[in-house]
Amino acid sequence: VHEIGGTDDHIHFAVTIPPTVLISEWIGKLKGSSSHFINHLGKDTLLYWQRGYGVVTFGTRNLPWVIEYVRNQRQHHASGNLQLRMERTEPD
């Protein structure tokens, strides 16, 4: 995991995943284990994930700006300075 950032209604991860790992399984385990952990803290707030997810791939040359973008999610959304390929949730 290189970076985690988000806003009130979504989260972005910058991660390196080897090609031998199925992204769908990795995401499923991430969602399941994080929900289990948060929901068993004994707090009033429960964590619910949306059904789907989006994946955008980049080469290692782009990793620095991807990390910066993810790290500063709140500022990008507040200023409207968004990278649409990182924010789009609808298929082309």
Protein backbone atom coordinates (compact mmCIF):
# COMPACT_ATOMS: atom_id res chain seq x y z
CA VAL A 1 0.00 0.00 0.00
CA HIS A 2 1.52 3.28 -1.13
CA GLU A 3 -1.27 5.64 -0.05
CA ILE A 4 -4.87 5.72 1.18
CA GLY A 5 -7.06 8.79 0.89
CA GLY A 6 -10.68 9.65 0.51
CA THR A 7 -13.66 11.85 1.15
CA ASP A 8 -16.82 11.30 3.14
CA ASP A 9 -18.34 9.04 0.50
CA HIS A 10 -15.46 7.20 -1.16
CA ILE A 11 -11.89 6.07 -0.71
CA HIS A 12 -8.91 5.62 -3.00
CA PHE A 13 -5.96 3.25 -2.52
CA ALA A 14 -2.65 3.42 -4.37
CA VAL A 15 -1.32 -0.13 -4.20
CA THR A 16 1.03 -2.41 -6.07
CA ILE A 17 -0.54 -5.81 -6.65
CA PRO A 18 1.44 -8.61 -8.29
CA PRO A 19 -0.08 -10.06 -11.47
CA THR A 20 -0.62 -13.41 -9.72
CA VAL A 21 -3.23 -11.86 -7.39
CA LEU A 22 -6.83 -11.60 -8.61
CA ILE A 23 -7.95 -8.02 -7.96
CA SER A 24 -11.56 -9.11 -7.31
CA GLU A 25 -10.40 -11.50 -4.55
CA TRP A 26 -8.07 -8.89 -3.05
CA ILE A 27 -10.85 -6.28 -2.97
CA GLY A 28 -13.28 -8.82 -1.48
CA LYS A 29 -10.87 -9.66 1.32
CA LEU A 30 -10.12 -5.97 1.94
CA LYS A 31 -13.81 -5.09 2.18
CA GLY A 32 -14.67 -8.12 4.31
CA SER A 33 -11.84 -7.82 6.82
CA SER A 34 -12.14 -4.04 7.21
CA SER A 35 -15.93 -4.26 7.72
CA HIS A 36 -15.49 -7.05 10.26
CA PHE A 37 -12.84 -5.08 12.16
CA ILE A 38 -14.75 -1.76 12.24
CA ASN A 39 -18.13 -3.36 12.98
CA HIS A 40 -16.73 -5.27 15.96
CA LEU A 41 -15.14 -2.25 17.69
CA GLY A 42 -18.30 -1.76 19.75
CA LYS A 43 -18.96 1.71 18.35
CA ASP A 44 -22.30 3.07 17.12
CA THR A 45 -21.04 3.49 13.55
CA LEU A 46 -21.07 0.56 11.15
CA LEU A 47 -19.02 0.27 7.97
CA TYR A 48 -20.88 -0.64 4.79
CA TRP A 49 -19.13 -0.93 1.44
CA GLN A 50 -20.86 -0.35 -1.88
CA ARG A 51 -21.31 -3.43 -4.07
CA GLY A 52 -18.90 -2.42 -6.80
CA TYR A 53 -15.46 -0.93 -7.10
CA GLY A 54 -13.30 0.69 -9.74
CA VAL A 55 -9.74 -0.09 -10.73
CA VAL A 56 -7.39 2.14 -12.69
CA THR A 57 -3.96 0.82 -13.61
CA PHE A 58 -0.78 2.86 -14.00
CA GLY A 59 2.85 2.17 -14.69
CA THR A 60 5.50 2.76 -12.03
CA ARG A 61 6.52 6.00 -13.78
CA ASN A 62 3.13 7.49 -12.80
CA LEU A 63 3.23 6.30 -9.18
CA PRO A 64 4.41 9.66 -7.67
CA TRP A 65 1.47 11.68 -9.06
CA VAL A 66 -1.02 8.89 -8.25
CA ILE A 67 0.20 8.89 -4.63
CA GLU A 68 -0.07 12.68 -4.48
CA TYR A 69 -3.59 12.59 -5.91
CA VAL A 70 -4.76 9.93 -3.45
CA ARG A 71 -3.06 11.65 -0.51
CA ASN A 72 -4.85 14.93 -1.25
CA GLN A 73 -8.36 13.67 -2.07
CA ARG A 74 -10.17 16.16 0.16
CA GLN A 75 -8.32 19.14 -1.32
CA HIS A 76 -8.92 17.96 -4.90
CA HIS A 77 -12.65 17.60 -4.27
CA ALA A 78 -12.91 20.92 -2.41
CA SER A 79 -11.17 22.81 -5.23
CA GLY A 80 -12.81 20.86 -8.06
CA ASN A 81 -9.34 19.91 -9.33
CA LEU A 82 -10.24 16.31 -10.16
CA GLN A 83 -8.63 13.79 -12.47
CA LEU A 84 -11.72 12.31 -14.12
CA ARG A 85 -10.06 8.96 -14.85
CA MET A 86 -9.54 8.59 -11.10
CA GLU A 87 -13.10 9.63 -10.18
CA ARG A 88 -15.33 8.16 -12.90
CA THR A 89 -17.69 5.50 -11.58
CA GLU A 90 -19.73 4.86 -14.72
CA PRO A 91 -18.45 2.67 -17.57
CA ASP A 92 -17.56 4.36 -20.87
